[in-house]
Amino acid sequence: MEFKDYYKILGVKSDADSKEIKTAYRKLARKYHPDMNPEAGAADKFKEVAEAYEVLKDANRRAEFDELRQYGSQSGRGFEPPPGWQSASGFQKGAGQSGADFSEFFNSIFGGRGTDFRQAGGFQQDHYRGQDVEIEMPVFLEETMATNVKTVEFHIPTYEDGRVSQIKKHLKVKIPVGVMDGERIRVKGQGAPGHGDGAAGDLYLHIRLVPHPLFDVQGHNLIVTVPVAPWEAALGAKVTVPTLDGKISLTITPNSQTGKKLRIKGKGLKGKNVTGDLYAILKVVMPAAADEKTRQLWRELAKTASFDPRLEWSQ
């Protein structure tokens, strides 16, 4: 398989801090998000960027990746982890895979967390239950708004004639509406087969919400920063704001300040018993450049406006 250098994908150095990594992700995710970029290949690029951030935002995964990167830089397209390599964070490489949303490289390195096959009941028993398989399932925020059927690919261990082997398995699973980050979904009987009369193990899907380029998540609520021009903040305006299921018109009242929070009811994440809200946080943004006419208007405003933003300093 092809080695993926997640630092290069995000365009950051290997010693970049978490803030630099998040900033690079947001910039690229906004550029390639399917809702903002209809060009061919944009969706695939967005998933690649999301995959890179999924690894580098987590300290343990990043440490694992840094360890593997020294091998990957020399392997080209024919990368394979060093024989016997296992992550320090307890992931069992090759025990499972995380689904078709991320690459083969991600799935093979970070995809599963199976327990030791011998712990499922022991080789000495004639009858024992099969091993459970646990995999991570990346889910985009938009996908939580309705029930989705997703295809997962993973490996299950089998025991025969004293030997353990891995069998690749493909399965379509239903991801219910309103799933949350960290939620664990059980698919009964889809783990490793039992021995003798032992029942098959189960498949457990660990939901991981992929960070969105525009929205932050707080429980079931969503937070979006809305840039507004100074004149929009001063005079009031109607601006178009994105949500997970379309765009809405938002009214900005006159004399609005940076940091003002506006609540849009029912436009957050759907839950099983509750629907969250969307909170729009205003951010007054100055133009990057101005022509002479615009600067003259600012000068006139400065002369006529009786406003001192630092008045309280002199009191």
Protein backbone atom coordinates (compact mmCIF):
# COMPACT_ATOMS: atom_id res chain seq x y z
CA MET A 1 0.00 0.00 0.00
CA GLU A 2 1.00 3.62 -0.37
CA PHE A 3 2.49 5.46 2.60
CA LYS A 4 0.67 8.70 3.44
CA ASP A 5 2.66 11.56 4.92
CA TYR A 6 0.01 13.38 6.92
CA TYR A 7 2.27 16.35 7.58
CA LYS A 8 2.66 16.95 3.84
CA ILE A 9 -1.07 16.52 3.29
CA LEU A 10 -1.80 19.32 5.77
CA GLY A 11 1.20 21.34 4.61
CA VAL A 12 2.77 21.63 8.08
CA LYS A 13 6.18 20.77 9.49
CA SER A 14 6.67 17.67 11.60
CA ASP A 15 7.21 19.83 14.71
CA ALA A 16 4.04 21.87 14.22
CA ASP A 17 2.00 22.39 17.38
CA SER A 18 -1.66 21.47 17.74
CA LYS A 19 -2.85 24.99 16.94
CA GLU A 20 -0.90 25.07 13.65
CA ILE A 21 -2.28 21.65 12.73
CA LYS A 22 -5.87 22.68 13.45
CA THR A 23 -5.47 25.94 11.51
CA ALA A 24 -4.05 24.11 8.48
CA TYR A 25 -6.86 21.55 8.64
CA ARG A 26 -9.59 24.18 8.79
CA LYS A 27 -8.12 26.07 5.84
CA LEU A 28 -7.85 22.99 3.63
CA ALA A 29 -11.14 21.47 4.76
CA ARG A 30 -12.97 24.67 3.88
CA LYS A 31 -11.25 24.70 0.49
CA TYR A 32 -12.18 21.13 -0.42
CA HIS A 33 -15.45 20.57 1.44
CA PRO A 34 -18.00 19.15 -1.07
CA ASP A 35 -20.54 21.83 -0.15
CA MET A 36 -18.05 24.55 -1.14
CA ASN A 37 -16.07 22.92 -3.94
CA PRO A 38 -18.04 21.03 -6.61
CA GLU A 39 -14.93 20.21 -8.66
CA ALA A 40 -14.06 16.59 -9.39
CA GLY A 41 -11.73 15.16 -6.79
CA ALA A 42 -12.54 17.74 -4.11
CA ALA A 43 -14.48 15.25 -1.97
CA ASP A 44 -11.58 12.77 -2.06
CA LYS A 45 -9.15 15.52 -1.13
CA PHE A 46 -11.40 16.57 1.74
CA LYS A 47 -11.44 13.02 3.11
CA GLU A 48 -7.64 12.85 2.82
CA VAL A 49 -7.29 16.10 4.77
CA ALA A 50 -9.78 14.89 7.40
CA GLU A 51 -7.85 11.62 7.71
CA ALA A 52 -4.57 13.48 8.26
CA TYR A 53 -6.14 15.62 10.98
CA GLU A 54 -7.73 12.58 12.62
CA VAL A 55 -4.23 11.20 13.17
CA LEU A 56 -2.22 14.33 13.97
CA LYS A 57 -4.73 15.87 16.41
CA ASP A 58 -4.36 12.87 18.74
CA ALA A 59 -1.09 12.76 20.70
CA ASN A 60 -0.92 8.95 20.82
CA ARG A 61 -1.72 8.46 17.16
CA ARG A 62 0.70 11.19 16.17
CA ALA A 63 3.46 9.48 18.16
CA GLU A 64 2.66 6.21 16.41
CA PHE A 65 2.73 7.90 13.04
CA ASP A 66 6.05 9.64 13.77
CA GLU A 67 7.53 6.26 14.60
CA LEU A 68 6.30 4.75 11.34
CA ARG A 69 7.23 7.78 9.27
CA GLN A 70 10.93 6.97 9.37
CA TYR A 71 10.15 3.74 7.53
CA GLY A 72 7.55 5.25 5.23
CA SER A 73 9.89 7.93 3.89
CA GLN A 74 12.02 5.18 2.37
CA SER A 75 9.32 2.79 1.23
CA GLY A 76 7.52 4.68 -1.55
CA ARG A 77 4.26 3.07 -2.59
CA GLY A 78 5.13 -0.37 -1.22
CA PHE A 79 4.87 0.49 2.47
CA GLU A 80 4.32 -2.17 5.11
CA PRO A 81 4.74 -1.70 8.88
CA PRO A 82 7.92 -3.27 10.32
CA PRO A 83 7.38 -6.92 11.27
CA GLY A 84 5.91 -7.24 14.72
CA TRP A 85 5.36 -3.51 15.06
CA GLN A 86 2.65 -2.56 17.52
CA SER A 87 1.60 0.85 18.73
CA ALA A 88 2.31 2.10 22.22
CA SER A 89 -1.33 3.12 22.65
CA GLY A 90 -2.59 -0.43 22.55
CA PHE A 91 -3.98 -0.67 19.01
CA GLN A 92 -3.54 -4.16 17.61
CA LYS A 93 -2.41 -3.60 14.02
CA GLY A 94 -4.34 -5.61 11.49
CA ALA A 95 -7.01 -6.75 13.94
CA GLY A 96 -9.66 -4.64 12.29
CA GLN A 97 -10.28 -1.82 9.88
CA SER A 98 -12.26 1.38 10.19
CA GLY A 99 -14.39 1.52 7.07
CA ALA A 100 -14.28 2.86 3.56
CA ASP A 101 -14.25 6.56 4.44
CA PHE A 102 -10.51 6.54 5.13
CA SER A 103 -7.62 5.04 3.20
CA GLU A 104 -6.18 1.55 3.28
CA PHE A 105 -3.12 3.00 5.02
CA PHE A 106 -5.21 4.47 7.86
CA ASN A 107 -7.30 1.33 8.20
CA SER A 108 -4.31 -0.99 8.39
CA ILE A 109 -2.43 1.14 10.91
CA PHE A 110 -5.17 2.64 13.11
CA GLY A 111 -8.27 0.67 12.28
CA GLY A 112 -8.74 -1.89 15.02
CA ARG A 113 -8.48 -2.56 18.70
CA GLY A 114 -9.06 -6.27 19.07
CA THR A 115 -8.07 -8.14 22.21
CA ASP A 116 -5.64 -11.02 22.09
CA PHE A 117 -7.35 -13.98 20.44
CA ARG A 118 -6.30 -16.27 23.26
CA GLN A 119 -8.17 -14.11 25.75
CA ALA A 120 -11.50 -14.92 24.10
CA GLY A 121 -11.63 -18.29 25.80
CA GLY A 122 -8.28 -20.05 25.48
CA PHE A 123 -6.91 -22.59 23.03
CA GLN A 124 -7.33 -25.40 25.52
CA GLN A 125 -11.12 -25.20 25.61
CA ASP A 126 -13.30 -27.22 23.26
CA HIS A 127 -16.04 -24.63 23.22
CA TYR A 128 -15.60 -20.91 23.59
CA ARG A 129 -17.08 -17.70 22.33
CA GLY A 130 -15.47 -15.93 19.39
CA GLN A 131 -13.45 -12.75 19.81
CA ASP A 132 -15.15 -9.36 19.66
CA VAL A 133 -13.82 -6.96 17.04
CA GLU A 134 -13.72 -3.22 17.69
CA ILE A 135 -13.18 -0.70 14.89
CA GLU A 136 -13.41 3.06 14.58
CA MET A 137 -16.03 4.50 12.27
CA PRO A 138 -15.41 8.05 10.99
CA VAL A 139 -18.71 9.90 10.47
CA PHE A 140 -19.15 13.38 9.00
CA LEU A 141 -21.49 15.78 10.81
CA GLU A 142 -23.81 15.88 7.80
CA GLU A 143 -24.18 12.10 8.03
CA THR A 144 -25.59 12.31 11.57
CA MET A 145 -28.69 14.11 10.32
CA ALA A 146 -30.25 10.95 8.86
CA THR A 147 -29.84 7.19 9.09
CA ASN A 148 -26.98 5.99 6.88
CA VAL A 149 -25.90 2.60 5.60
CA LYS A 150 -22.12 2.37 5.43
CA THR A 151 -19.83 -0.41 4.30
CA VAL A 152 -17.08 -1.44 6.70
CA GLU A 153 -14.12 -3.66 5.95
CA PHE A 154 -12.31 -5.41 8.77
CA HIS A 155 -10.42 -8.59 9.65
CA ILE A 156 -11.59 -11.30 12.01
CA PRO A 157 -9.24 -13.84 13.58
CA THR A 158 -10.03 -17.52 13.09
CA TYR A 159 -8.47 -20.52 14.81
CA GLU A 160 -7.98 -23.80 12.99
CA ASP A 161 -5.55 -26.69 13.53
CA GLY A 162 -3.67 -24.74 16.16
CA ARG A 163 -3.08 -21.69 13.98
CA VAL A 164 -4.55 -18.21 13.97
CA SER A 165 -5.30 -16.54 10.64
CA GLN A 166 -7.02 -13.33 9.58
CA ILE A 167 -10.03 -13.27 7.26
CA LYS A 168 -11.16 -10.06 5.57
CA LYS A 169 -14.83 -9.30 5.98
CA HIS A 170 -17.11 -6.75 4.30
CA LEU A 171 -20.32 -5.72 6.00
CA LYS A 172 -23.04 -3.11 5.51
CA VAL A 173 -24.06 -1.54 8.80
CA LYS A 174 -26.76 0.96 9.68
CA ILE A 175 -25.57 4.11 11.41
CA PRO A 176 -28.62 5.59 13.16
CA VAL A 177 -29.56 9.26 13.06
CA GLY A 178 -28.11 11.32 15.87
CA VAL A 179 -24.97 9.31 16.65
CA MET A 180 -22.48 11.17 18.84
CA ASP A 181 -18.71 11.15 19.04
CA GLY A 182 -17.51 8.26 21.20
CA GLU A 183 -20.76 6.32 20.88
CA ARG A 184 -20.35 2.55 20.68
CA ILE A 185 -22.62 0.57 18.36
CA ARG A 186 -22.89 -3.20 18.72
CA VAL A 187 -23.48 -5.46 15.73
CA LYS A 188 -24.28 -8.83 17.24
CA GLY A 189 -22.61 -11.97 15.92
CA GLN A 190 -20.37 -10.25 13.38
CA GLY A 191 -17.09 -10.76 15.21
CA ALA A 192 -14.84 -13.81 15.09
CA PRO A 193 -16.50 -17.23 14.92
CA GLY A 194 -16.64 -19.30 18.09
CA HIS A 195 -14.96 -22.66 18.58
CA GLY A 196 -17.10 -25.76 18.81
CA ASP A 197 -20.56 -24.73 19.98
CA GLY A 198 -19.34 -21.32 21.09
CA ALA A 199 -21.22 -18.27 19.81
CA ALA A 200 -19.61 -15.79 17.43
CA GLY A 201 -18.22 -12.58 18.87
CA ASP A 202 -19.70 -9.17 18.22
CA LEU A 203 -18.57 -6.21 16.14
CA TYR A 204 -18.35 -2.88 17.95
CA LEU A 205 -18.24 0.38 16.03
CA HIS A 206 -16.68 3.34 17.84
CA ILE A 207 -18.11 6.51 16.31
CA ARG A 208 -15.60 9.29 15.63
CA LEU A 209 -17.08 12.54 14.33
CA VAL A 210 -14.81 14.08 11.70
CA PRO A 211 -14.03 17.73 12.58
CA HIS A 212 -15.93 20.14 10.34
CA PRO A 213 -14.29 23.13 8.62
CA LEU A 214 -17.02 25.53 9.80
CA PHE A 215 -18.76 24.13 12.86
CA ASP A 216 -17.51 23.36 16.35
CA VAL A 217 -19.47 20.84 18.40
CA GLN A 218 -20.62 21.36 21.99
CA GLY A 219 -22.83 18.45 22.94
CA HIS A 220 -25.74 18.59 20.50
CA ASN A 221 -25.15 22.29 19.78
CA LEU A 222 -23.11 23.68 16.92
CA ILE A 223 -21.02 26.85 16.95
CA VAL A 224 -20.26 28.83 13.79
CA THR A 225 -18.24 32.04 13.52
CA VAL A 226 -19.96 34.58 11.24
CA PRO A 227 -17.69 37.29 9.75
CA VAL A 228 -19.45 40.65 9.35
CA ALA A 229 -18.24 43.91 7.83
CA PRO A 230 -17.98 46.99 10.09
CA TRP A 231 -20.91 48.66 8.33
CA GLU A 232 -23.03 45.54 8.71
CA ALA A 233 -22.33 45.53 12.42
CA ALA A 234 -23.03 49.28 12.70
CA LEU A 235 -26.15 49.53 10.52
CA GLY A 236 -27.56 46.03 10.77
CA ALA A 237 -27.92 43.58 7.91
CA LYS A 238 -29.25 40.25 6.77
CA VAL A 239 -26.50 37.70 6.10
CA THR A 240 -26.58 34.15 4.78
CA VAL A 241 -25.34 31.55 7.26
CA PRO A 242 -24.66 27.85 6.51
CA THR A 243 -26.24 25.02 8.49
CA LEU A 244 -25.87 21.27 8.15
CA ASP A 245 -29.05 21.06 6.06
CA GLY A 246 -28.89 24.23 3.97
CA LYS A 247 -28.47 27.97 4.30
CA ILE A 248 -30.56 30.42 6.32
CA SER A 249 -30.92 34.20 6.51
CA LEU A 250 -29.74 35.72 9.78
CA THR A 251 -30.62 39.24 10.96
CA ILE A 252 -27.76 41.30 12.39
CA THR A 253 -29.13 44.10 14.57
CA PRO A 254 -27.54 47.59 14.45
CA ASN A 255 -24.54 48.25 16.72
CA SER A 256 -23.68 44.57 17.05
CA GLN A 257 -20.33 43.73 18.65
CA THR A 258 -17.74 41.04 18.01
CA GLY A 259 -18.56 38.04 20.19
CA LYS A 260 -22.32 38.56 20.14
CA LYS A 261 -24.02 35.16 20.19
CA LEU A 262 -27.20 34.51 18.20
CA ARG A 263 -29.19 31.33 18.74
CA ILE A 264 -30.84 29.53 15.83
CA LYS A 265 -33.15 27.00 17.42
CA GLY A 266 -33.21 23.43 16.13
CA LYS A 267 -30.29 23.78 13.70
CA GLY A 268 -27.79 21.81 15.74
CA LEU A 269 -27.17 18.07 15.81
CA LYS A 270 -30.06 15.67 16.03
CA GLY A 271 -30.14 13.35 19.02
CA LYS A 272 -32.33 10.44 19.92
CA ASN A 273 -34.45 12.58 22.23
CA VAL A 274 -33.31 16.14 21.56
CA THR A 275 -32.22 18.41 18.73
CA GLY A 276 -29.50 20.93 19.45
CA ASP A 277 -29.26 24.56 18.42
CA LEU A 278 -26.86 26.49 16.21
CA TYR A 279 -25.07 29.43 17.81
CA ALA A 280 -23.72 32.10 15.48
CA ILE A 281 -20.84 34.09 16.98
CA LEU A 282 -20.33 37.46 15.26
CA LYS A 283 -16.83 38.57 14.31
CA VAL A 284 -16.37 42.07 12.91
CA VAL A 285 -13.77 41.89 10.13
CA MET A 286 -11.96 44.81 8.56
CA PRO A 287 -11.28 44.80 4.81
CA ALA A 288 -7.77 43.60 3.98
CA ALA A 289 -7.18 46.71 1.84
CA ALA A 290 -8.95 49.99 1.04
CA ASP A 291 -8.79 52.51 -1.81
CA GLU A 292 -8.42 56.25 -1.28
CA LYS A 293 -12.16 56.91 -1.45
CA THR A 294 -12.83 54.37 1.26
CA ARG A 295 -10.06 55.77 3.46
CA GLN A 296 -11.54 59.26 3.08
CA LEU A 297 -14.89 57.97 4.29
CA TRP A 298 -13.17 56.50 7.35
CA ARG A 299 -11.49 59.86 8.00
CA GLU A 300 -14.83 61.66 7.86
CA LEU A 301 -16.32 59.12 10.23
CA ALA A 302 -13.41 59.56 12.62
CA LYS A 303 -14.01 63.33 12.70
CA THR A 304 -17.77 63.18 13.23
CA ALA A 305 -18.22 60.11 15.44
CA SER A 306 -18.18 60.80 19.18
CA PHE A 307 -16.85 57.39 20.12
CA ASP A 308 -13.79 56.45 22.13
CA PRO A 309 -13.32 52.66 22.50
CA ARG A 310 -10.75 53.28 25.29
CA LEU A 311 -12.81 55.73 27.33
CA GLU A 312 -12.85 53.51 30.41
CA TRP A 313 -9.03 53.62 30.56
CA SER A 314 -9.14 57.31 31.47
CA GLN A 315 -11.70 56.92 34.23
